[in-house]
N, C-alpha and C. Protein backbone atom coordinates (compact mmCIF):
# COMPACT_ATOMS: atom_id res chain seq x y z
N MET A 1 0.81 -1.20 0.00
CA MET A 1 0.00 0.00 0.00
C MET A 1 0.86 1.27 0.00
N SER A 2 2.17 1.14 0.03
CA SER A 2 3.02 2.32 0.08
C SER A 2 3.07 3.04 -1.26
N ALA A 3 3.34 4.32 -1.20
CA ALA A 3 3.41 5.14 -2.40
C ALA A 3 4.59 4.74 -3.27
N SER A 4 5.70 4.36 -2.64
CA SER A 4 6.88 3.97 -3.43
C SER A 4 6.62 2.68 -4.20
N PHE A 5 5.88 1.74 -3.60
CA PHE A 5 5.55 0.50 -4.32
C PHE A 5 4.59 0.78 -5.46
N LEU A 6 3.62 1.65 -5.24
CA LEU A 6 2.69 2.04 -6.30
C LEU A 6 3.44 2.67 -7.46
N GLU A 7 4.42 3.53 -7.15
CA GLU A 7 5.25 4.17 -8.19
C GLU A 7 6.06 3.12 -8.96
N TYR A 8 6.63 2.16 -8.24
CA TYR A 8 7.39 1.08 -8.88
C TYR A 8 6.50 0.30 -9.85
N CYS A 9 5.30 -0.06 -9.41
CA CYS A 9 4.39 -0.81 -10.26
C CYS A 9 4.01 -0.01 -11.50
N THR A 10 3.78 1.25 -11.33
CA THR A 10 3.42 2.11 -12.46
C THR A 10 4.56 2.19 -13.46
N GLU A 11 5.78 2.35 -12.98
CA GLU A 11 6.95 2.44 -13.86
C GLU A 11 7.18 1.17 -14.66
N HIS A 12 6.85 0.01 -14.08
CA HIS A 12 7.09 -1.27 -14.73
C HIS A 12 5.84 -1.87 -15.36
N SER A 13 4.80 -1.07 -15.50
CA SER A 13 3.52 -1.49 -16.12
C SER A 13 2.93 -2.71 -15.43
N ILE A 14 2.99 -2.74 -14.12
CA ILE A 14 2.43 -3.84 -13.35
C ILE A 14 1.05 -3.42 -12.88
N LYS A 15 0.04 -4.26 -13.18
CA LYS A 15 -1.33 -3.97 -12.74
C LYS A 15 -1.52 -4.56 -11.34
N ARG A 16 -2.05 -3.74 -10.44
CA ARG A 16 -2.31 -4.18 -9.08
C ARG A 16 -3.80 -4.37 -8.88
N HIS A 17 -4.17 -5.48 -8.24
CA HIS A 17 -5.56 -5.74 -7.90
C HIS A 17 -5.59 -6.07 -6.41
N LEU A 18 -6.21 -5.21 -5.64
CA LEU A 18 -6.25 -5.40 -4.20
C LEU A 18 -7.42 -6.29 -3.81
N ALA A 19 -7.20 -7.10 -2.78
CA ALA A 19 -8.24 -7.98 -2.26
C ALA A 19 -8.08 -8.06 -0.75
N ALA A 20 -9.12 -8.47 -0.09
CA ALA A 20 -9.05 -8.64 1.35
C ALA A 20 -8.09 -9.79 1.67
N PRO A 21 -7.31 -9.66 2.74
CA PRO A 21 -6.37 -10.74 3.06
C PRO A 21 -7.08 -12.03 3.44
N TYR A 22 -6.46 -13.15 3.11
CA TYR A 22 -6.95 -14.49 3.43
C TYR A 22 -8.33 -14.78 2.85
N SER A 23 -8.61 -14.25 1.67
CA SER A 23 -9.90 -14.50 1.02
C SER A 23 -9.67 -14.85 -0.43
N ALA A 24 -9.32 -16.10 -0.67
CA ALA A 24 -9.05 -16.55 -2.04
C ALA A 24 -10.31 -16.46 -2.90
N GLN A 25 -11.48 -16.42 -2.27
CA GLN A 25 -12.72 -16.37 -3.04
C GLN A 25 -12.82 -15.09 -3.86
N GLN A 26 -12.12 -14.04 -3.46
CA GLN A 26 -12.17 -12.79 -4.22
C GLN A 26 -11.31 -12.84 -5.47
N ASN A 27 -10.44 -13.79 -5.57
CA ASN A 27 -9.56 -13.89 -6.73
C ASN A 27 -9.87 -15.20 -7.45
N SER A 28 -10.75 -15.15 -8.41
CA SER A 28 -11.19 -16.37 -9.08
C SER A 28 -10.07 -17.06 -9.84
N MET A 29 -9.10 -16.29 -10.36
CA MET A 29 -8.00 -16.90 -11.10
C MET A 29 -7.14 -17.76 -10.17
N VAL A 30 -6.84 -17.27 -9.00
CA VAL A 30 -6.06 -18.04 -8.03
C VAL A 30 -6.85 -19.25 -7.57
N GLU A 31 -8.13 -19.06 -7.31
CA GLU A 31 -8.98 -20.17 -6.88
C GLU A 31 -9.01 -21.26 -7.95
N TRP A 32 -9.14 -20.86 -9.22
CA TRP A 32 -9.15 -21.83 -10.32
C TRP A 32 -7.81 -22.56 -10.40
N ARG A 33 -6.73 -21.83 -10.24
CA ARG A 33 -5.38 -22.43 -10.30
C ARG A 33 -5.19 -23.44 -9.17
N ASN A 34 -5.64 -23.09 -7.97
CA ASN A 34 -5.54 -24.02 -6.84
C ASN A 34 -6.36 -25.28 -7.09
N LEU A 35 -7.56 -25.13 -7.60
CA LEU A 35 -8.40 -26.29 -7.87
C LEU A 35 -7.80 -27.19 -8.95
N SER A 36 -7.26 -26.58 -10.00
CA SER A 36 -6.66 -27.40 -11.06
C SER A 36 -5.41 -28.09 -10.57
N MET A 37 -4.65 -27.45 -9.69
CA MET A 37 -3.45 -28.08 -9.13
C MET A 37 -3.84 -29.27 -8.25
N LEU A 38 -4.86 -29.10 -7.41
CA LEU A 38 -5.29 -30.20 -6.56
C LEU A 38 -5.87 -31.36 -7.37
N ALA A 39 -6.60 -31.05 -8.44
CA ALA A 39 -7.12 -32.10 -9.31
C ALA A 39 -5.98 -32.86 -9.98
N MET A 40 -4.95 -32.14 -10.37
CA MET A 40 -3.78 -32.77 -10.98
C MET A 40 -3.10 -33.70 -9.98
N VAL A 41 -2.97 -33.26 -8.74
CA VAL A 41 -2.34 -34.07 -7.69
C VAL A 41 -3.14 -35.34 -7.46
N ARG A 42 -4.45 -35.21 -7.31
CA ARG A 42 -5.29 -36.39 -7.10
C ARG A 42 -5.19 -37.36 -8.27
N SER A 43 -5.18 -36.84 -9.48
CA SER A 43 -5.08 -37.70 -10.67
C SER A 43 -3.76 -38.45 -10.72
N MET A 44 -2.68 -37.74 -10.42
CA MET A 44 -1.36 -38.38 -10.45
C MET A 44 -1.27 -39.48 -9.40
N MET A 45 -1.78 -39.19 -8.21
CA MET A 45 -1.68 -40.17 -7.13
C MET A 45 -2.55 -41.39 -7.40
N LYS A 46 -3.74 -41.16 -7.94
CA LYS A 46 -4.64 -42.29 -8.22
C LYS A 46 -4.14 -43.12 -9.40
N ALA A 47 -3.61 -42.45 -10.42
CA ALA A 47 -3.13 -43.17 -11.60
C ALA A 47 -1.97 -44.10 -11.27
N LYS A 48 -1.11 -43.67 -10.36
CA LYS A 48 0.07 -44.48 -10.02
C LYS A 48 -0.09 -45.24 -8.71
N ASN A 49 -1.26 -45.09 -8.07
CA ASN A 49 -1.58 -45.82 -6.85
C ASN A 49 -0.48 -45.65 -5.79
N VAL A 50 -0.07 -44.42 -5.56
CA VAL A 50 0.97 -44.15 -4.57
C VAL A 50 0.34 -43.89 -3.21
N PRO A 51 1.05 -44.17 -2.12
CA PRO A 51 0.50 -43.96 -0.78
C PRO A 51 0.28 -42.47 -0.48
N SER A 52 -0.64 -42.19 0.42
CA SER A 52 -1.02 -40.81 0.72
C SER A 52 0.10 -40.01 1.37
N TRP A 53 1.08 -40.67 1.96
CA TRP A 53 2.17 -39.91 2.58
C TRP A 53 3.07 -39.24 1.54
N LEU A 54 2.87 -39.55 0.26
CA LEU A 54 3.61 -38.88 -0.82
C LEU A 54 2.86 -37.66 -1.37
N TRP A 55 1.82 -37.21 -0.65
CA TRP A 55 1.02 -36.07 -1.08
C TRP A 55 1.90 -34.84 -1.34
N GLY A 56 2.81 -34.54 -0.45
CA GLY A 56 3.68 -33.37 -0.61
C GLY A 56 4.52 -33.42 -1.86
N GLU A 57 5.07 -34.61 -2.16
CA GLU A 57 5.86 -34.77 -3.39
C GLU A 57 4.99 -34.57 -4.62
N ALA A 58 3.76 -35.07 -4.56
CA ALA A 58 2.85 -34.91 -5.70
C ALA A 58 2.49 -33.44 -5.90
N VAL A 59 2.29 -32.70 -4.82
CA VAL A 59 1.97 -31.28 -4.92
C VAL A 59 3.15 -30.52 -5.53
N MET A 60 4.35 -30.80 -5.05
CA MET A 60 5.53 -30.11 -5.61
C MET A 60 5.71 -30.45 -7.09
N THR A 61 5.46 -31.69 -7.47
CA THR A 61 5.58 -32.09 -8.87
C THR A 61 4.53 -31.38 -9.72
N ALA A 62 3.29 -31.31 -9.23
CA ALA A 62 2.22 -30.66 -9.98
C ALA A 62 2.53 -29.17 -10.18
N VAL A 63 2.98 -28.49 -9.14
CA VAL A 63 3.31 -27.07 -9.26
C VAL A 63 4.48 -26.87 -10.21
N PHE A 64 5.48 -27.74 -10.11
CA PHE A 64 6.63 -27.69 -11.01
C PHE A 64 6.17 -27.79 -12.46
N LEU A 65 5.27 -28.74 -12.74
CA LEU A 65 4.78 -28.94 -14.11
C LEU A 65 3.91 -27.77 -14.58
N LEU A 66 3.03 -27.29 -13.70
CA LEU A 66 2.17 -26.17 -14.09
C LEU A 66 2.97 -24.91 -14.38
N ASN A 67 4.06 -24.70 -13.68
CA ASN A 67 4.90 -23.54 -13.93
C ASN A 67 5.69 -23.68 -15.23
N ARG A 68 5.72 -24.85 -15.77
CA ARG A 68 6.45 -25.09 -17.01
C ARG A 68 5.53 -25.44 -18.18
N ALA A 69 4.24 -25.25 -18.00
CA ALA A 69 3.26 -25.51 -19.06
C ALA A 69 2.78 -24.19 -19.65
N PRO A 70 2.62 -24.11 -20.96
CA PRO A 70 2.13 -22.87 -21.58
C PRO A 70 0.73 -22.52 -21.06
N THR A 71 0.44 -21.24 -20.94
CA THR A 71 -0.87 -20.79 -20.48
C THR A 71 -1.46 -19.78 -21.44
N GLN A 72 -2.78 -19.68 -21.44
CA GLN A 72 -3.46 -18.72 -22.31
C GLN A 72 -3.18 -17.29 -21.89
N SER A 73 -3.08 -17.06 -20.58
CA SER A 73 -2.87 -15.69 -20.11
C SER A 73 -1.51 -15.13 -20.52
N LEU A 74 -0.56 -16.01 -20.81
CA LEU A 74 0.76 -15.57 -21.26
C LEU A 74 0.95 -15.81 -22.76
N VAL A 75 -0.14 -16.02 -23.46
CA VAL A 75 -0.16 -16.22 -24.91
C VAL A 75 0.82 -17.32 -25.33
N GLY A 76 0.62 -18.50 -24.77
CA GLY A 76 1.40 -19.66 -25.17
C GLY A 76 2.77 -19.78 -24.56
N ARG A 77 3.15 -18.83 -23.70
CA ARG A 77 4.45 -18.93 -23.03
C ARG A 77 4.29 -19.61 -21.68
N MET A 78 5.39 -20.12 -21.16
CA MET A 78 5.40 -20.74 -19.85
C MET A 78 5.61 -19.68 -18.79
N PRO A 79 5.01 -19.84 -17.59
CA PRO A 79 5.28 -18.90 -16.51
C PRO A 79 6.78 -18.78 -16.22
N TYR A 80 7.50 -19.88 -16.28
CA TYR A 80 8.95 -19.85 -16.05
C TYR A 80 9.63 -18.95 -17.08
N GLU A 81 9.20 -19.10 -18.33
CA GLU A 81 9.78 -18.30 -19.42
C GLU A 81 9.46 -16.82 -19.25
N ALA A 82 8.24 -16.50 -18.81
CA ALA A 82 7.85 -15.11 -18.60
C ALA A 82 8.63 -14.50 -17.44
N TRP A 83 8.87 -15.27 -16.41
CA TRP A 83 9.56 -14.76 -15.22
C TRP A 83 11.05 -14.57 -15.45
N TYR A 84 11.70 -15.59 -16.04
CA TYR A 84 13.15 -15.55 -16.20
C TYR A 84 13.61 -15.10 -17.58
N GLY A 85 12.72 -15.05 -18.57
CA GLY A 85 13.09 -14.62 -19.91
C GLY A 85 13.86 -15.67 -20.70
N VAL A 86 13.82 -16.91 -20.24
CA VAL A 86 14.56 -18.00 -20.89
C VAL A 86 13.60 -19.15 -21.16
N LYS A 87 13.64 -19.68 -22.36
CA LYS A 87 12.83 -20.84 -22.68
C LYS A 87 13.45 -22.06 -22.02
N LEU A 88 12.64 -22.80 -21.29
CA LEU A 88 13.14 -23.90 -20.49
C LEU A 88 13.09 -25.21 -21.26
N ALA A 89 14.14 -25.99 -21.14
CA ALA A 89 14.16 -27.35 -21.72
C ALA A 89 13.36 -28.27 -20.81
N VAL A 90 12.62 -29.18 -21.37
CA VAL A 90 11.83 -30.11 -20.58
C VAL A 90 12.21 -31.56 -20.87
N HIS A 91 13.38 -31.78 -21.43
CA HIS A 91 13.80 -33.12 -21.80
C HIS A 91 14.05 -34.02 -20.58
N PHE A 92 14.20 -33.43 -19.41
CA PHE A 92 14.52 -34.19 -18.20
C PHE A 92 13.28 -34.71 -17.48
N LEU A 93 12.08 -34.35 -17.93
CA LEU A 93 10.85 -34.76 -17.24
C LEU A 93 10.65 -36.28 -17.34
N ARG A 94 10.13 -36.84 -16.27
CA ARG A 94 9.84 -38.28 -16.20
C ARG A 94 8.40 -38.47 -15.74
N VAL A 95 7.89 -39.69 -15.86
CA VAL A 95 6.54 -40.02 -15.43
C VAL A 95 6.53 -40.07 -13.90
N PHE A 96 5.50 -39.47 -13.29
CA PHE A 96 5.39 -39.48 -11.83
C PHE A 96 5.12 -40.89 -11.32
N GLY A 97 5.72 -41.20 -10.19
CA GLY A 97 5.45 -42.48 -9.53
C GLY A 97 6.49 -43.49 -9.84
């Protein structure tokens, strides 16, 4: 909420959208992303029949993959590519489980 941060965002063409703290319901894009990530985790775990204590590993894998998958909001670019400016190689990916 500081003036210096607002100035920084303006200089770098960053759009700010304020929401009440701890209320994901106000941000439908984040809510959708969370739901799709959890659905991906459940699918991976069920497909490979892995024990539930590997839930954390499945979540980290799902987030890793989603950050490296092209999205419509970035016009076919990967979030990793948009953040770092480098196209990422994905030749090292393996099947979960």
